[in-house]
Amino acid sequence: MSSDELAVLASLAQKAEFAPKKALFLQGDRVVSVFNITSGVVRLYKLLADGRRQVIGFALPGDFLGLARGDAYDFSADAVDHVSACAFSRADYTALADAKPNLLRQLYDFAAHELALAQDQMVLLGRRTAEEKVICFLLRLQERWARIEGNASVMVPLPMNRQDIADFLGLTIETVSRTFTRLARDKTILNVSHGVRLMNPDRMARIAAA
């Protein structure tokens, strides 16, 4: 975005802070705000008809949430760790979109990321083993953090818990825990505080590409 466009956005933004587990918004609620995540990780999930939770993705710094065209949020979003965000009222956002259609197109590029999260998950939940799913999950997170930080690192932060990962991958928490343990035993990863270190990224890349 141009400096002028960024200045317009900044003038409309309200700083918002969310403690861990605090909801940014809930599925089905009327859309009142659009959020740009500036720090922390947000868990995105849908509640199924039988009451089960399906995690559909994790939003990282730089992601926009709530850019749906409809009047209600399609999914829920809550903070995994402490989250800071810029919040824009839906009314201000709509007025800005009407006044600056070029900016609107750029913002909808961000909105497309929400759809990409769900599409990535559908691919991930395909006919892959538990190990392949966990490896793909870790490599995609590594890629996303690399884009945010500007450099690739073998350290992958994992503020979400094993249950969140299981709900995202369509696995049980026991299976996810066993898979992390096995990958560590094979020296593919090293479990560290708040994340993992990728010890054999070449092997992981081969498995993910299979």
C-alpha atoms as a PDB file:
ATOM      1  CA  MET A   1       0.000   0.000   0.000  1.00  0.00           C
ATOM      2  CA  SER A   2       1.075   3.600  -0.539  1.00  0.00           C
ATOM      3  CA  SER A   3       2.010   5.805   2.411  1.00  0.00           C
ATOM      4  CA  ASP A   4      -1.231   7.738   1.929  1.00  0.00           C
ATOM      5  CA  GLU A   5      -3.306   4.563   2.028  1.00  0.00           C
ATOM      6  CA  LEU A   6      -1.483   3.366   5.125  1.00  0.00           C
ATOM      7  CA  ALA A   7      -2.067   6.743   6.764  1.00  0.00           C
ATOM      8  CA  VAL A   8      -5.795   6.526   6.050  1.00  0.00           C
ATOM      9  CA  LEU A   9      -5.955   3.051   7.570  1.00  0.00           C
ATOM     10  CA  ALA A  10      -3.969   4.155  10.613  1.00  0.00           C
ATOM     11  CA  SER A  11      -6.323   7.069  11.212  1.00  0.00           C
ATOM     12  CA  LEU A  12      -9.273   4.662  11.418  1.00  0.00           C
ATOM     13  CA  ALA A  13      -7.617   1.999  13.557  1.00  0.00           C
ATOM     14  CA  GLN A  14      -8.281   1.373  17.212  1.00  0.00           C
ATOM     15  CA  LYS A  15      -5.719  -0.623  19.148  1.00  0.00           C
ATOM     16  CA  ALA A  16      -7.176  -3.825  20.608  1.00  0.00           C
ATOM     17  CA  GLU A  17      -5.590  -6.261  23.068  1.00  0.00           C
ATOM     18  CA  PHE A  18      -6.794  -9.799  23.726  1.00  0.00           C
ATOM     19  CA  ALA A  19      -5.681 -12.072  26.550  1.00  0.00           C
ATOM     20  CA  PRO A  20      -5.209 -15.794  25.803  1.00  0.00           C
ATOM     21  CA  LYS A  21      -8.554 -17.519  25.069  1.00  0.00           C
ATOM     22  CA  LYS A  22     -10.324 -14.176  24.690  1.00  0.00           C
ATOM     23  CA  ALA A  23     -12.633 -14.085  21.658  1.00  0.00           C
ATOM     24  CA  LEU A  24     -12.119 -11.523  18.919  1.00  0.00           C
ATOM     25  CA  PHE A  25     -15.503 -12.511  17.502  1.00  0.00           C
ATOM     26  CA  LEU A  26     -17.867 -15.484  17.419  1.00  0.00           C
ATOM     27  CA  GLN A  27     -19.349 -17.425  14.525  1.00  0.00           C
ATOM     28  CA  GLY A  28     -22.769 -16.063  13.586  1.00  0.00           C
ATOM     29  CA  ASP A  29     -22.297 -12.699  15.312  1.00  0.00           C
ATOM     30  CA  ARG A  30     -22.996  -9.587  13.287  1.00  0.00           C
ATOM     31  CA  VAL A  31     -19.805  -8.214  11.726  1.00  0.00           C
ATOM     32  CA  VAL A  32     -18.974  -5.017  13.591  1.00  0.00           C
ATOM     33  CA  SER A  33     -15.180  -4.936  13.264  1.00  0.00           C
ATOM     34  CA  VAL A  34     -12.385  -5.901  10.908  1.00  0.00           C
ATOM     35  CA  PHE A  35      -9.081  -6.848  12.540  1.00  0.00           C
ATOM     36  CA  ASN A  36      -5.466  -6.684  11.423  1.00  0.00           C
ATOM     37  CA  ILE A  37      -3.307  -8.857  13.692  1.00  0.00           C
ATOM     38  CA  THR A  38      -0.113  -7.078  14.738  1.00  0.00           C
ATOM     39  CA  SER A  39       1.275  -9.611  17.236  1.00  0.00           C
ATOM     40  CA  GLY A  40       0.312 -12.991  18.617  1.00  0.00           C
ATOM     41  CA  VAL A  41      -1.561 -15.932  17.119  1.00  0.00           C
ATOM     42  CA  VAL A  42      -5.316 -16.300  16.644  1.00  0.00           C
ATOM     43  CA  ARG A  43      -7.164 -19.622  16.467  1.00  0.00           C
ATOM     44  CA  LEU A  44      -9.921 -19.790  13.829  1.00  0.00           C
ATOM     45  CA  TYR A  45     -12.615 -22.413  14.262  1.00  0.00           C
ATOM     46  CA  LYS A  46     -16.140 -23.430  13.330  1.00  0.00           C
ATOM     47  CA  LEU A  47     -18.668 -25.119  15.583  1.00  0.00           C
ATOM     48  CA  LEU A  48     -20.250 -28.102  13.861  1.00  0.00           C
ATOM     49  CA  ALA A  49     -23.912 -29.086  14.132  1.00  0.00           C
ATOM     50  CA  ASP A  50     -23.095 -31.815  16.663  1.00  0.00           C
ATOM     51  CA  GLY A  51     -21.268 -29.342  18.917  1.00  0.00           C
ATOM     52  CA  ARG A  52     -17.750 -30.391  17.950  1.00  0.00           C
ATOM     53  CA  ARG A  53     -15.095 -27.807  17.175  1.00  0.00           C
ATOM     54  CA  GLN A  54     -13.183 -27.796  13.891  1.00  0.00           C
ATOM     55  CA  VAL A  55     -10.110 -25.591  13.859  1.00  0.00           C
ATOM     56  CA  ILE A  56      -9.768 -24.188  10.340  1.00  0.00           C
ATOM     57  CA  GLY A  57      -6.535 -22.283  10.735  1.00  0.00           C
ATOM     58  CA  PHE A  58      -4.313 -19.936  12.703  1.00  0.00           C
ATOM     59  CA  ALA A  59      -3.955 -16.239  11.929  1.00  0.00           C
ATOM     60  CA  LEU A  60      -0.494 -14.703  12.344  1.00  0.00           C
ATOM     61  CA  PRO A  61       0.745 -11.077  12.436  1.00  0.00           C
ATOM     62  CA  GLY A  62      -0.193  -9.248   9.256  1.00  0.00           C
ATOM     63  CA  ASP A  63      -3.369 -11.252   8.645  1.00  0.00           C
ATOM     64  CA  PHE A  64      -6.727  -9.508   8.278  1.00  0.00           C
ATOM     65  CA  LEU A  65      -9.836 -11.089   9.794  1.00  0.00           C
ATOM     66  CA  GLY A  66     -13.497 -10.260   9.346  1.00  0.00           C
ATOM     67  CA  LEU A  67     -13.416  -9.140   5.727  1.00  0.00           C
ATOM     68  CA  ALA A  68     -16.398 -11.347   4.831  1.00  0.00           C
ATOM     69  CA  ARG A  69     -18.920  -9.858   2.425  1.00  0.00           C
ATOM     70  CA  GLY A  70     -21.860 -11.062   4.518  1.00  0.00           C
ATOM     71  CA  ASP A  71     -23.293  -9.513   7.657  1.00  0.00           C
ATOM     72  CA  ALA A  72     -22.210 -12.316  10.002  1.00  0.00           C
ATOM     73  CA  TYR A  73     -18.849 -13.856  10.843  1.00  0.00           C
ATOM     74  CA  ASP A  74     -18.440 -17.262   9.188  1.00  0.00           C
ATOM     75  CA  PHE A  75     -16.251 -18.627  11.985  1.00  0.00           C
ATOM     76  CA  SER A  76     -15.023 -17.800  15.479  1.00  0.00           C
ATOM     77  CA  ALA A  77     -11.630 -16.349  16.350  1.00  0.00           C
ATOM     78  CA  ASP A  78      -9.925 -16.315  19.731  1.00  0.00           C
ATOM     79  CA  ALA A  79      -6.462 -15.520  21.018  1.00  0.00           C
ATOM     80  CA  VAL A  80      -4.001 -18.386  21.447  1.00  0.00           C
ATOM     81  CA  ASP A  81      -1.482 -16.209  23.290  1.00  0.00           C
ATOM     82  CA  HIS A  82      -1.559 -12.474  23.977  1.00  0.00           C
ATOM     83  CA  VAL A  83      -2.788 -10.818  20.788  1.00  0.00           C
ATOM     84  CA  SER A  84      -2.544  -7.215  19.672  1.00  0.00           C
ATOM     85  CA  ALA A  85      -4.590  -6.008  16.731  1.00  0.00           C
ATOM     86  CA  CYS A  86      -5.768  -2.932  14.888  1.00  0.00           C
ATOM     87  CA  ALA A  87      -9.564  -2.898  14.864  1.00  0.00           C
ATOM     88  CA  PHE A  88     -11.590  -1.053  12.225  1.00  0.00           C
ATOM     89  CA  SER A  89     -15.319  -0.559  12.537  1.00  0.00           C
ATOM     90  CA  ARG A  90     -17.344  -2.188   9.768  1.00  0.00           C
ATOM     91  CA  ALA A  91     -18.963   1.181   9.027  1.00  0.00           C
ATOM     92  CA  ASP A  92     -15.597   2.934   8.629  1.00  0.00           C
ATOM     93  CA  TYR A  93     -14.304   0.050   6.540  1.00  0.00           C
ATOM     94  CA  THR A  94     -17.342   0.191   4.239  1.00  0.00           C
ATOM     95  CA  ALA A  95     -17.043   3.958   3.843  1.00  0.00           C
ATOM     96  CA  LEU A  96     -13.341   3.649   3.057  1.00  0.00           C
ATOM     97  CA  ALA A  97     -14.023   0.902   0.532  1.00  0.00           C
ATOM     98  CA  ASP A  98     -16.586   3.112  -1.223  1.00  0.00           C
ATOM     99  CA  ALA A  99     -14.193   6.067  -1.293  1.00  0.00           C
ATOM    100  CA  LYS A 100     -11.069   4.150  -2.321  1.00  0.00           C
ATOM    101  CA  PRO A 101     -11.942   1.179  -4.552  1.00  0.00           C
ATOM    102  CA  ASN A 102      -8.260   0.473  -5.231  1.00  0.00           C
ATOM    103  CA  LEU A 103      -7.663   0.040  -1.517  1.00  0.00           C
ATOM    104  CA  LEU A 104     -10.732  -2.196  -1.373  1.00  0.00           C
ATOM    105  CA  ARG A 105      -9.195  -4.534  -3.942  1.00  0.00           C
ATOM    106  CA  GLN A 106      -6.024  -4.778  -1.885  1.00  0.00           C
ATOM    107  CA  LEU A 107      -7.958  -5.519   1.280  1.00  0.00           C
ATOM    108  CA  TYR A 108      -9.911  -8.250  -0.460  1.00  0.00           C
ATOM    109  CA  ASP A 109      -6.579  -9.818  -1.380  1.00  0.00           C
ATOM    110  CA  PHE A 110      -6.063 -10.142   2.355  1.00  0.00           C
ATOM    111  CA  ALA A 111      -9.571 -11.542   2.702  1.00  0.00           C
ATOM    112  CA  ALA A 112      -8.702 -14.257   0.211  1.00  0.00           C
ATOM    113  CA  HIS A 113      -6.229 -15.525   2.800  1.00  0.00           C
ATOM    114  CA  GLU A 114      -9.143 -16.643   4.984  1.00  0.00           C
ATOM    115  CA  LEU A 115     -10.358 -18.849   2.146  1.00  0.00           C
ATOM    116  CA  ALA A 116      -6.828 -20.103   1.540  1.00  0.00           C
ATOM    117  CA  LEU A 117      -6.621 -21.247   5.161  1.00  0.00           C
ATOM    118  CA  ALA A 118      -9.663 -23.459   4.699  1.00  0.00           C
ATOM    119  CA  GLN A 119      -8.397 -24.747   1.356  1.00  0.00           C
ATOM    120  CA  ASP A 120      -4.999 -25.603   2.835  1.00  0.00           C
ATOM    121  CA  GLN A 121      -6.722 -27.525   5.586  1.00  0.00           C
ATOM    122  CA  MET A 122      -8.785 -29.561   3.114  1.00  0.00           C
ATOM    123  CA  VAL A 123      -5.593 -30.578   1.324  1.00  0.00           C
ATOM    124  CA  LEU A 124      -3.911 -31.338   4.626  1.00  0.00           C
ATOM    125  CA  LEU A 125      -6.795 -33.560   5.722  1.00  0.00           C
ATOM    126  CA  GLY A 126      -6.565 -35.620   2.544  1.00  0.00           C
ATOM    127  CA  ARG A 127      -5.166 -39.120   2.341  1.00  0.00           C
ATOM    128  CA  ARG A 128      -2.042 -38.496   4.384  1.00  0.00           C
ATOM    129  CA  THR A 129      -0.652 -40.278   7.401  1.00  0.00           C
ATOM    130  CA  ALA A 130      -0.510 -38.590  10.796  1.00  0.00           C
ATOM    131  CA  GLU A 131       3.222 -38.043  10.373  1.00  0.00           C
ATOM    132  CA  GLU A 132       2.742 -36.434   6.961  1.00  0.00           C
ATOM    133  CA  LYS A 133       0.023 -34.142   8.315  1.00  0.00           C
ATOM    134  CA  VAL A 134       2.162 -32.963  11.226  1.00  0.00           C
ATOM    135  CA  ILE A 135       5.179 -32.402   8.977  1.00  0.00           C
ATOM    136  CA  CYS A 136       3.142 -30.418   6.446  1.00  0.00           C
ATOM    137  CA  PHE A 137       1.686 -28.347   9.279  1.00  0.00           C
ATOM    138  CA  LEU A 138       5.135 -27.515  10.658  1.00  0.00           C
ATOM    139  CA  LEU A 139       6.611 -26.639   7.257  1.00  0.00           C
ATOM    140  CA  ARG A 140       3.707 -24.357   6.366  1.00  0.00           C
ATOM    141  CA  LEU A 141       4.025 -22.567   9.677  1.00  0.00           C
ATOM    142  CA  GLN A 142       7.748 -22.182   9.063  1.00  0.00           C
ATOM    143  CA  GLU A 143       7.029 -20.608   5.663  1.00  0.00           C
ATOM    144  CA  ARG A 144       4.477 -18.207   7.116  1.00  0.00           C
ATOM    145  CA  TRP A 145       6.774 -17.094   9.954  1.00  0.00           C
ATOM    146  CA  ALA A 146       9.577 -16.626   7.404  1.00  0.00           C
ATOM    147  CA  ARG A 147       7.401 -14.218   5.392  1.00  0.00           C
ATOM    148  CA  ILE A 148       6.587 -12.273   8.538  1.00  0.00           C
ATOM    149  CA  GLU A 149      10.124 -12.085   9.903  1.00  0.00           C
ATOM    150  CA  GLY A 150      11.895 -11.756   6.557  1.00  0.00           C
ATOM    151  CA  ASN A 151      14.113 -14.791   6.979  1.00  0.00           C
ATOM    152  CA  ALA A 152      13.683 -18.533   7.280  1.00  0.00           C
ATOM    153  CA  SER A 153      14.454 -20.134  10.614  1.00  0.00           C
ATOM    154  CA  VAL A 154      14.601 -23.755  11.732  1.00  0.00           C
ATOM    155  CA  MET A 155      12.801 -22.618  14.894  1.00  0.00           C
ATOM    156  CA  VAL A 156       9.019 -22.805  14.539  1.00  0.00           C
ATOM    157  CA  PRO A 157       6.989 -21.148  17.322  1.00  0.00           C
ATOM    158  CA  LEU A 158       3.997 -23.228  18.446  1.00  0.00           C
ATOM    159  CA  PRO A 159       1.922 -21.166  20.878  1.00  0.00           C
ATOM    160  CA  MET A 160      -1.106 -23.362  20.165  1.00  0.00           C
ATOM    161  CA  ASN A 161      -1.473 -26.552  22.204  1.00  0.00           C
ATOM    162  CA  ARG A 162      -1.560 -30.133  20.975  1.00  0.00           C
ATOM    163  CA  GLN A 163      -5.366 -30.203  21.118  1.00  0.00           C
ATOM    164  CA  ASP A 164      -5.550 -27.212  18.757  1.00  0.00           C
ATOM    165  CA  ILE A 165      -3.188 -28.945  16.344  1.00  0.00           C
ATOM    166  CA  ALA A 166      -5.209 -32.172  16.581  1.00  0.00           C
ATOM    167  CA  ASP A 167      -8.472 -30.336  15.887  1.00  0.00           C
ATOM    168  CA  PHE A 168      -6.878 -28.660  12.879  1.00  0.00           C
ATOM    169  CA  LEU A 169      -5.394 -31.847  11.435  1.00  0.00           C
ATOM    170  CA  GLY A 170      -8.401 -34.075  12.107  1.00  0.00           C
ATOM    171  CA  LEU A 171      -6.437 -36.265  14.510  1.00  0.00           C
ATOM    172  CA  THR A 172      -6.729 -37.173  18.171  1.00  0.00           C
ATOM    173  CA  ILE A 173      -4.527 -35.411  20.694  1.00  0.00           C
ATOM    174  CA  GLU A 174      -2.947 -38.777  21.535  1.00  0.00           C
ATOM    175  CA  THR A 175      -1.965 -39.309  17.908  1.00  0.00           C
ATOM    176  CA  VAL A 176      -0.499 -35.827  17.626  1.00  0.00           C
ATOM    177  CA  SER A 177       1.505 -36.272  20.833  1.00  0.00           C
ATOM    178  CA  ARG A 178       2.832 -39.670  19.711  1.00  0.00           C
ATOM    179  CA  THR A 179       3.769 -38.226  16.314  1.00  0.00           C
ATOM    180  CA  PHE A 180       5.743 -35.355  17.845  1.00  0.00           C
ATOM    181  CA  THR A 181       7.493 -37.840  20.141  1.00  0.00           C
ATOM    182  CA  ARG A 182       8.352 -40.131  17.216  1.00  0.00           C
ATOM    183  CA  LEU A 183       9.654 -37.280  15.079  1.00  0.00           C
ATOM    184  CA  ALA A 184      11.839 -36.161  17.992  1.00  0.00           C
ATOM    185  CA  ARG A 185      13.106 -39.711  18.558  1.00  0.00           C
ATOM    186  CA  ASP A 186      14.018 -39.923  14.866  1.00  0.00           C
ATOM    187  CA  LYS A 187      15.853 -36.596  15.210  1.00  0.00           C
ATOM    188  CA  THR A 188      13.586 -34.998  12.618  1.00  0.00           C
ATOM    189  CA  ILE A 189      12.579 -32.299  15.104  1.00  0.00           C
ATOM    190  CA  LEU A 190      13.652 -31.180  18.542  1.00  0.00           C
ATOM    191  CA  ASN A 191      10.889 -30.217  20.958  1.00  0.00           C
ATOM    192  CA  VAL A 192      11.820 -26.956  22.703  1.00  0.00           C
ATOM    193  CA  SER A 193       9.979 -24.487  24.887  1.00  0.00           C
ATOM    194  CA  HIS A 194       7.085 -22.915  22.950  1.00  0.00           C
ATOM    195  CA  GLY A 195       7.918 -24.626  19.670  1.00  0.00           C
ATOM    196  CA  VAL A 196      10.109 -27.017  17.746  1.00  0.00           C
ATOM    197  CA  ARG A 197      13.451 -26.909  15.975  1.00  0.00           C
ATOM    198  CA  LEU A 198      13.483 -28.536  12.535  1.00  0.00           C
ATOM    199  CA  MET A 199      16.510 -30.849  12.661  1.00  0.00           C
ATOM    200  CA  ASN A 200      16.066 -32.502   9.265  1.00  0.00           C
ATOM    201  CA  PRO A 201      14.143 -30.081   7.026  1.00  0.00           C
ATOM    202  CA  ASP A 202      15.285 -31.851   3.843  1.00  0.00           C
ATOM    203  CA  ARG A 203      13.657 -35.107   4.929  1.00  0.00           C
ATOM    204  CA  MET A 204      10.546 -33.202   5.970  1.00  0.00           C
ATOM    205  CA  ALA A 205      10.354 -31.492   2.585  1.00  0.00           C
ATOM    206  CA  ARG A 206      10.609 -34.844   0.787  1.00  0.00           C
ATOM    207  CA  ILE A 207       7.796 -36.298   2.895  1.00  0.00           C
ATOM    208  CA  ALA A 208       5.591 -33.212   2.371  1.00  0.00           C
ATOM    209  CA  ALA A 209       6.145 -33.360  -1.409  1.00  0.00           C
ATOM    210  CA  ALA A 210       5.188 -37.029  -1.661  1.00  0.00           C
END
